[in-house]
N, C-alpha and C. Protein backbone atom coordinates (compact mmCIF):
# COMPACT_ATOMS: atom_id res chain seq x y z
N MET A 1 3.99 48.59 -3.10
CA MET A 1 2.84 47.09 -3.06
C MET A 1 3.85 46.04 -3.37
N TYR A 2 4.82 46.06 -4.17
CA TYR A 2 5.47 44.59 -4.25
C TYR A 2 6.26 44.55 -3.25
N LYS A 3 6.88 45.32 -2.32
CA LYS A 3 7.51 44.93 -1.44
C LYS A 3 6.83 44.35 -0.17
N LEU A 4 5.41 44.48 -0.09
CA LEU A 4 4.71 44.12 1.02
C LEU A 4 4.21 42.76 0.46
N ALA A 5 4.13 42.41 -0.53
CA ALA A 5 3.88 40.47 -0.85
C ALA A 5 4.67 39.73 -0.41
N PRO A 6 6.01 39.93 -0.50
CA PRO A 6 7.04 39.04 0.15
C PRO A 6 6.90 39.06 1.71
N LEU A 7 6.55 40.03 1.87
CA LEU A 7 6.75 40.60 3.64
C LEU A 7 5.63 39.75 4.11
N SER A 8 4.62 39.96 3.50
CA SER A 8 3.39 39.37 4.29
C SER A 8 3.20 37.89 3.96
N LEU A 9 4.13 37.33 2.89
CA LEU A 9 4.04 35.91 2.74
C LEU A 9 5.03 35.24 3.67
N ALA A 10 6.20 36.03 4.09
CA ALA A 10 7.16 35.56 4.85
C ALA A 10 6.40 35.39 6.44
N LEU A 11 5.52 36.43 6.52
CA LEU A 11 4.81 36.49 7.99
C LEU A 11 3.68 35.26 8.07
N ALA A 12 3.35 35.32 7.03
CA ALA A 12 2.39 33.88 7.05
C ALA A 12 2.74 32.70 7.13
N LEU A 13 3.71 32.35 6.64
CA LEU A 13 4.88 31.12 6.66
C LEU A 13 5.34 31.19 8.15
N ALA A 14 5.75 32.53 8.62
CA ALA A 14 6.20 32.15 10.03
C ALA A 14 5.27 31.78 11.11
N GLY A 15 4.10 32.28 10.81
CA GLY A 15 2.80 32.19 11.93
C GLY A 15 2.44 30.74 12.05
N SER A 16 2.36 29.92 10.49
CA SER A 16 1.67 28.60 10.33
C SER A 16 2.73 27.70 10.91
N THR A 17 4.00 28.01 10.86
CA THR A 17 5.03 26.97 11.34
C THR A 17 5.20 27.03 12.94
N ALA A 18 4.89 28.01 13.41
CA ALA A 18 4.53 27.98 15.14
C ALA A 18 3.44 26.97 15.45
N ALA A 19 2.41 26.83 14.84
CA ALA A 19 1.44 25.98 15.05
C ALA A 19 1.82 24.36 15.22
N PHE A 20 2.82 23.99 14.14
CA PHE A 20 3.33 22.88 13.87
C PHE A 20 4.22 22.55 15.01
N ALA A 21 5.09 23.60 15.41
CA ALA A 21 6.05 23.38 16.25
C ALA A 21 5.37 23.05 17.83
N GLN A 22 4.30 23.41 17.96
CA GLN A 22 3.48 23.10 19.33
C GLN A 22 2.88 21.81 19.24
N THR A 23 2.74 21.07 18.34
CA THR A 23 2.16 19.98 18.10
C THR A 23 3.01 18.72 18.76
N PRO A 24 2.33 18.07 20.12
CA PRO A 24 2.83 17.02 20.79
C PRO A 24 3.47 15.91 20.00
N VAL A 25 4.52 15.56 20.32
CA VAL A 25 5.04 14.39 19.76
C VAL A 25 4.50 12.85 20.69
N PRO A 26 3.85 12.02 19.77
CA PRO A 26 3.43 10.76 20.87
C PRO A 26 4.71 10.26 20.81
N PRO A 27 4.13 9.45 22.18
CA PRO A 27 5.39 8.63 22.50
C PRO A 27 5.87 7.36 21.76
N ALA A 28 6.87 6.89 21.85
CA ALA A 28 7.12 5.80 21.02
C ALA A 28 6.37 4.66 21.68
N THR A 29 5.95 3.62 21.12
CA THR A 29 4.99 2.60 21.55
C THR A 29 5.85 1.58 22.41
N SER A 30 7.26 1.48 21.93
CA SER A 30 8.09 0.54 22.88
C SER A 30 9.47 1.34 22.66
N PRO A 31 9.81 1.46 23.86
CA PRO A 31 11.34 2.39 23.66
C PRO A 31 12.29 1.42 23.42
N SER A 32 12.22 0.18 24.03
CA SER A 32 13.18 -0.63 23.47
C SER A 32 13.60 -1.27 22.55
N THR A 33 12.68 -1.00 21.48
CA THR A 33 12.44 -1.33 20.02
C THR A 33 13.76 -0.80 19.20
N THR A 34 14.85 -1.58 18.89
CA THR A 34 15.89 -0.80 18.10
C THR A 34 15.66 -1.20 16.56
N PRO A 35 15.90 -0.18 15.67
CA PRO A 35 15.51 -0.34 14.28
C PRO A 35 16.11 -1.40 13.62
N PRO A 36 15.81 -2.19 12.43
CA PRO A 36 16.53 -3.23 12.25
C PRO A 36 17.84 -2.73 11.56
N THR A 37 18.78 -4.09 11.40
CA THR A 37 20.15 -3.40 10.88
C THR A 37 20.01 -3.71 9.34
N ALA A 38 20.89 -3.27 8.70
CA ALA A 38 21.40 -3.30 7.30
C ALA A 38 20.96 -4.85 6.78
N THR A 39 21.56 -5.88 7.72
CA THR A 39 21.64 -7.20 7.36
C THR A 39 20.20 -7.73 7.42
N GLU A 40 19.52 -7.20 8.68
CA GLU A 40 17.97 -7.73 8.67
C GLU A 40 17.21 -7.04 7.71
N ARG A 41 17.34 -5.77 7.20
CA ARG A 41 16.58 -5.30 6.48
C ARG A 41 16.73 -6.08 5.03
N ALA A 42 18.15 -6.61 4.52
CA ALA A 42 18.33 -7.22 3.58
C ALA A 42 17.74 -8.82 3.65
N ASN A 43 17.92 -9.21 4.51
CA ASN A 43 17.49 -10.87 4.69
C ASN A 43 16.24 -10.94 5.72
N PRO A 44 15.01 -10.52 5.38
CA PRO A 44 14.08 -10.44 6.63
C PRO A 44 13.66 -11.96 6.96
N PRO A 45 12.94 -12.12 8.18
CA PRO A 45 12.84 -13.86 8.14
C PRO A 45 11.82 -14.01 7.56
N MET A 46 12.13 -15.30 7.24
CA MET A 46 11.09 -15.89 6.13
C MET A 46 10.18 -16.62 6.70
N PRO A 47 9.06 -16.54 6.02
CA PRO A 47 7.87 -17.75 6.59
C PRO A 47 8.22 -19.03 6.90
N GLU A 48 7.56 -19.48 7.97
CA GLU A 48 8.05 -20.97 8.26
C GLU A 48 7.45 -22.14 7.30
N VAL A 49 7.35 -21.75 6.25
CA VAL A 49 6.54 -22.89 5.03
C VAL A 49 7.74 -23.45 4.55
N THR A 50 7.88 -24.72 4.69
CA THR A 50 8.95 -25.45 4.13
C THR A 50 8.12 -26.72 3.32
N LYS A 51 8.69 -26.83 2.03
CA LYS A 51 8.17 -27.63 0.90
C LYS A 51 9.44 -28.52 0.62
N ASP A 52 9.53 -30.00 0.27
CA ASP A 52 10.41 -30.65 0.02
C ASP A 52 10.30 -30.53 -1.38
N GLY A 53 11.61 -30.77 -1.98
CA GLY A 53 11.15 -30.77 -3.43
C GLY A 53 11.00 -32.29 -3.92
N GLU A 54 10.90 -33.35 -3.20
CA GLU A 54 10.46 -34.43 -3.69
C GLU A 54 8.84 -34.52 -3.61
N ASN A 55 8.27 -35.09 -4.46
CA ASN A 55 6.92 -35.17 -4.36
C ASN A 55 6.29 -33.77 -4.38
N LEU A 56 6.77 -32.61 -5.22
CA LEU A 56 6.12 -31.17 -4.95
C LEU A 56 5.66 -31.06 -6.48
N ASN A 57 4.44 -30.30 -6.20
CA ASN A 57 3.54 -30.03 -7.39
C ASN A 57 3.14 -28.80 -7.41
N LEU A 58 3.47 -28.25 -8.88
CA LEU A 58 3.46 -26.92 -9.00
C LEU A 58 2.56 -26.63 -9.99
N THR A 59 1.72 -25.61 -10.17
CA THR A 59 0.93 -25.27 -11.37
C THR A 59 1.92 -24.44 -12.05
N ASP A 60 1.44 -23.76 -13.38
CA ASP A 60 2.39 -23.05 -14.45
C ASP A 60 2.37 -21.74 -13.48
N ALA A 61 1.46 -21.07 -12.84
CA ALA A 61 1.51 -19.93 -12.43
C ALA A 61 2.60 -19.98 -11.11
N GLU A 62 2.57 -20.86 -10.22
CA GLU A 62 3.42 -21.11 -9.22
C GLU A 62 4.87 -21.16 -9.50
N ALA A 63 5.06 -22.14 -10.59
CA ALA A 63 6.61 -22.46 -11.26
C ALA A 63 6.79 -20.78 -11.47
N LYS A 64 6.12 -20.44 -12.44
CA LYS A 64 6.64 -18.78 -12.81
C LYS A 64 6.82 -17.80 -11.55
N ALA A 65 6.10 -17.99 -10.53
CA ALA A 65 6.27 -17.13 -9.23
C ALA A 65 7.70 -17.28 -8.70
N TRP A 66 8.54 -18.77 -8.92
CA TRP A 66 9.59 -18.78 -8.17
C TRP A 66 10.74 -18.65 -9.21
N VAL A 67 10.48 -18.23 -10.58
CA VAL A 67 11.71 -18.10 -11.24
C VAL A 67 12.05 -16.64 -10.59
N ASP A 68 13.44 -16.70 -10.62
CA ASP A 68 14.21 -15.43 -10.18
C ASP A 68 14.47 -15.32 -8.52
N LYS A 69 13.86 -16.32 -7.94
CA LYS A 69 13.99 -16.47 -6.47
C LYS A 69 15.50 -16.56 -6.18
N VAL A 70 15.76 -16.42 -4.89
CA VAL A 70 17.15 -16.72 -4.55
C VAL A 70 17.34 -17.87 -4.33
N VAL A 71 18.66 -18.35 -4.15
CA VAL A 71 18.78 -20.00 -4.30
C VAL A 71 20.05 -19.99 -3.35
N TYR A 72 19.86 -20.62 -2.04
CA TYR A 72 20.79 -20.55 -1.15
C TYR A 72 21.51 -21.84 -0.92
N SER A 73 22.59 -21.99 -0.35
CA SER A 73 23.36 -23.55 -0.17
C SER A 73 22.75 -23.65 1.25
N SER A 74 23.51 -25.04 1.54
CA SER A 74 23.02 -25.48 3.05
C SER A 74 23.78 -24.42 3.91
N ASP A 75 24.75 -23.96 3.87
CA ASP A 75 25.18 -22.88 4.96
C ASP A 75 24.99 -21.65 4.52
N GLY A 76 23.69 -21.16 4.04
CA GLY A 76 23.27 -19.95 4.10
C GLY A 76 23.88 -19.15 2.85
N LYS A 77 24.57 -19.57 2.11
CA LYS A 77 25.40 -18.71 1.23
C LYS A 77 24.47 -18.31 -0.33
N ASN A 78 24.47 -17.17 -0.63
CA ASN A 78 23.45 -16.98 -1.89
C ASN A 78 24.09 -17.40 -3.14
N LEU A 79 23.78 -18.35 -3.80
CA LEU A 79 24.38 -18.89 -4.88
C LEU A 79 23.89 -18.31 -6.43
N GLY A 80 22.70 -18.01 -6.37
CA GLY A 80 22.19 -17.49 -7.48
C GLY A 80 20.52 -17.57 -7.41
N GLU A 81 20.08 -17.44 -8.75
CA GLU A 81 18.67 -17.63 -8.72
C GLU A 81 18.03 -18.86 -9.85
N VAL A 82 16.46 -18.99 -9.28
CA VAL A 82 15.88 -20.16 -10.08
C VAL A 82 15.78 -19.32 -11.48
N ALA A 83 16.15 -20.50 -12.39
CA ALA A 83 15.85 -20.41 -13.93
C ALA A 83 14.64 -20.85 -14.24
N ALA A 84 14.12 -22.06 -13.78
CA ALA A 84 13.00 -22.81 -14.39
C ALA A 84 12.67 -24.19 -13.47
N PHE A 85 11.62 -24.46 -13.65
CA PHE A 85 11.31 -25.86 -13.20
C PHE A 85 10.97 -26.82 -14.13
N ALA A 86 11.57 -28.17 -14.33
CA ALA A 86 10.98 -28.92 -15.12
C ALA A 86 10.13 -29.72 -14.56
N ARG A 87 8.74 -30.00 -15.38
CA ARG A 87 7.50 -30.70 -14.21
C ARG A 87 7.37 -31.85 -15.51
N ASP A 88 6.56 -33.02 -14.88
CA ASP A 88 5.97 -33.79 -15.83
C ASP A 88 4.48 -33.15 -15.90
N GLY A 89 3.94 -34.15 -16.80
CA GLY A 89 2.37 -33.75 -17.10
C GLY A 89 1.44 -33.62 -16.00
N SER A 90 1.56 -34.13 -14.69
CA SER A 90 0.61 -33.89 -13.77
C SER A 90 1.11 -32.57 -13.03
N GLY A 91 2.28 -32.07 -13.19
CA GLY A 91 2.65 -30.91 -12.61
C GLY A 91 3.80 -31.07 -11.43
N LYS A 92 4.35 -32.54 -11.31
CA LYS A 92 5.41 -32.77 -10.45
C LYS A 92 6.50 -32.44 -10.86
N VAL A 93 7.13 -31.80 -10.01
CA VAL A 93 8.59 -31.25 -10.43
C VAL A 93 9.55 -32.22 -10.44
N THR A 94 10.22 -32.25 -11.76
CA THR A 94 11.23 -33.32 -11.73
C THR A 94 12.90 -32.86 -11.66
N GLU A 95 13.00 -31.51 -11.92
CA GLU A 95 14.36 -31.03 -11.75
C GLU A 95 13.96 -29.60 -11.40
N LEU A 96 15.25 -28.94 -11.02
CA LEU A 96 15.17 -27.55 -10.69
C LEU A 96 16.28 -27.06 -11.64
N HIS A 97 16.28 -25.93 -12.37
CA HIS A 97 17.25 -25.30 -13.27
C HIS A 97 17.77 -24.11 -12.38
N ALA A 98 19.00 -23.88 -12.25
CA ALA A 98 19.45 -22.57 -11.52
C ALA A 98 20.42 -21.93 -11.91
N ASP A 99 20.46 -20.58 -12.18
CA ASP A 99 21.94 -19.87 -12.67
C ASP A 99 22.52 -19.56 -11.38
N ILE A 100 23.92 -20.26 -11.33
CA ILE A 100 24.73 -19.91 -10.33
C ILE A 100 25.76 -19.22 -10.54
N GLY A 101 26.63 -18.50 -9.46
CA GLY A 101 27.77 -18.11 -9.77
C GLY A 101 27.78 -16.76 -10.63
N GLY A 102 28.54 -16.24 -11.22
CA GLY A 102 28.76 -14.91 -12.01
C GLY A 102 28.67 -13.86 -10.99
N PHE A 103 28.43 -12.66 -11.84
CA PHE A 103 28.30 -11.42 -11.33
C PHE A 103 27.54 -10.64 -12.14
N MET A 104 26.34 -10.00 -11.70
CA MET A 104 25.42 -9.22 -12.19
C MET A 104 24.78 -10.04 -13.73
N GLY A 105 24.78 -11.18 -13.73
CA GLY A 105 24.29 -11.81 -14.92
C GLY A 105 25.52 -12.50 -15.68
N LEU A 106 26.89 -11.91 -15.49
CA LEU A 106 27.87 -12.42 -16.54
C LEU A 106 28.59 -13.61 -16.04
N GLY A 107 28.96 -14.74 -16.42
CA GLY A 107 29.50 -15.46 -15.87
C GLY A 107 28.52 -16.47 -15.33
N GLU A 108 27.24 -16.54 -15.33
CA GLU A 108 26.56 -17.42 -14.72
C GLU A 108 26.75 -19.11 -15.33
N THR A 109 26.52 -19.82 -14.48
CA THR A 109 26.43 -21.54 -15.04
C THR A 109 24.90 -21.66 -14.60
N ARG A 110 24.49 -22.31 -15.67
CA ARG A 110 23.20 -23.06 -15.39
C ARG A 110 23.45 -24.49 -14.82
N VAL A 111 22.60 -24.74 -13.69
CA VAL A 111 22.96 -26.33 -13.31
C VAL A 111 21.51 -26.80 -13.36
N ARG A 112 21.40 -28.20 -13.06
CA ARG A 112 20.18 -29.06 -12.77
C ARG A 112 20.34 -29.39 -11.41
N ILE A 113 19.29 -29.29 -10.65
CA ILE A 113 19.08 -29.92 -9.47
C ILE A 113 17.79 -30.68 -9.09
N LEU A 114 18.10 -31.93 -8.66
CA LEU A 114 17.18 -33.08 -8.34
C LEU A 114 16.31 -32.57 -7.41
N PRO A 115 14.84 -32.90 -7.21
CA PRO A 115 14.14 -32.94 -6.25
C PRO A 115 14.67 -33.20 -4.80
N SER A 116 15.25 -34.19 -4.57
CA SER A 116 15.89 -34.60 -3.51
C SER A 116 17.02 -33.54 -2.64
N GLN A 117 17.22 -32.83 -3.70
CA GLN A 117 18.73 -31.77 -3.36
C GLN A 117 18.01 -30.45 -2.74
N PHE A 118 16.75 -30.15 -2.97
CA PHE A 118 16.12 -28.81 -2.56
C PHE A 118 15.11 -28.71 -1.83
N LYS A 119 14.86 -27.65 -1.07
CA LYS A 119 13.36 -27.33 -0.55
C LYS A 119 13.08 -26.01 -0.68
N LEU A 120 12.02 -25.62 -0.86
CA LEU A 120 11.58 -24.45 -0.63
C LEU A 120 10.76 -23.98 0.49
N VAL A 121 12.13 -22.93 1.08
CA VAL A 121 11.86 -22.39 2.63
C VAL A 121 11.17 -21.05 2.17
N GLY A 122 9.91 -20.73 2.72
CA GLY A 122 9.41 -19.36 2.61
C GLY A 122 9.63 -18.76 1.07
N GLU A 123 10.29 -17.58 0.96
CA GLU A 123 10.64 -17.57 -0.47
C GLU A 123 11.70 -17.71 -1.07
N ARG A 124 12.40 -18.44 -0.29
CA ARG A 124 13.88 -18.95 -0.82
C ARG A 124 13.92 -20.77 -1.11
N VAL A 125 14.91 -20.86 -1.82
CA VAL A 125 15.19 -22.00 -2.52
C VAL A 125 16.41 -22.62 -1.64
N VAL A 126 16.39 -23.57 -1.01
CA VAL A 126 17.58 -24.22 -0.23
C VAL A 126 18.06 -25.14 -0.65
N ILE A 127 19.26 -25.42 -1.25
CA ILE A 127 19.98 -26.63 -1.35
C ILE A 127 20.48 -27.29 -0.68
N SER A 128 20.72 -28.74 -0.52
CA SER A 128 21.50 -29.51 0.55
C SER A 128 22.65 -29.70 0.25
N MET A 129 23.38 -28.67 -0.01
CA MET A 129 25.07 -28.91 -0.30
C MET A 129 25.53 -27.35 -0.41
N THR A 130 27.00 -27.63 -0.19
CA THR A 130 27.77 -26.09 -0.23
C THR A 130 28.06 -25.53 -1.47
N ARG A 131 28.36 -24.40 -1.42
CA ARG A 131 28.76 -23.65 -2.54
C ARG A 131 29.71 -24.53 -3.79
N ASP A 132 30.65 -24.99 -3.01
CA ASP A 132 31.61 -26.12 -4.06
C ASP A 132 30.94 -26.80 -4.53
N GLN A 133 30.03 -27.64 -3.55
CA GLN A 133 29.53 -29.02 -4.23
C GLN A 133 28.45 -28.70 -5.37
N ALA A 134 27.78 -27.34 -5.26
CA ALA A 134 26.72 -26.94 -6.34
C ALA A 134 27.49 -26.21 -7.51
N LYS A 135 28.63 -26.08 -7.38
CA LYS A 135 29.77 -25.78 -8.63
C LYS A 135 29.66 -26.77 -9.49
N ALA A 136 29.79 -27.84 -8.80
CA ALA A 136 30.23 -29.36 -9.42
C ALA A 136 28.81 -30.05 -10.02
N LEU A 137 27.78 -29.38 -9.71
CA LEU A 137 26.45 -30.24 -10.38
C LEU A 137 26.50 -30.25 -11.90
N PRO A 138 26.00 -30.74 -12.48
CA PRO A 138 25.94 -31.04 -14.12
C PRO A 138 25.31 -29.83 -14.69
N GLN A 139 26.08 -29.44 -15.47
CA GLN A 139 25.70 -28.12 -16.19
C GLN A 139 24.79 -28.31 -17.47
N ILE A 140 23.92 -27.64 -17.75
CA ILE A 140 22.81 -27.68 -18.86
C ILE A 140 22.71 -26.51 -19.66
N ALA A 141 22.63 -26.58 -20.80
CA ALA A 141 22.49 -25.35 -21.93
C ALA A 141 21.30 -24.32 -21.50
N LYS A 142 21.48 -22.84 -21.58
CA LYS A 142 20.82 -21.83 -21.40
C LYS A 142 19.86 -21.82 -22.38
């Protein structure tokens, strides 16, 4: 009796897999589409929304949503991430604080970026300077 249970289980599984094997595979919707590369997956295309830093008004929730977003140089290099926005009473951005350099949070430098020096592009902050120029920005205390 105990020898029949595993045998009947094996036959049941073998019979059920035959039905799956006969299920037709739907054709690909576009055979010329290639899967994205690792670079494309890591850097998906950004929305076309661009806001200049000058005359930029952010609510508290919007400013918090930008914290930890990536900061890029004008030549597309990843510099670090947004630490905070300084705003006046009306919500107008007066400066951007970014943590640049370092590795995994160690050795980062917090710098002050003026509104005339950055743009919000999609989900990125793009500054109008190179990596070396960014490292020369005024440092501020964390």
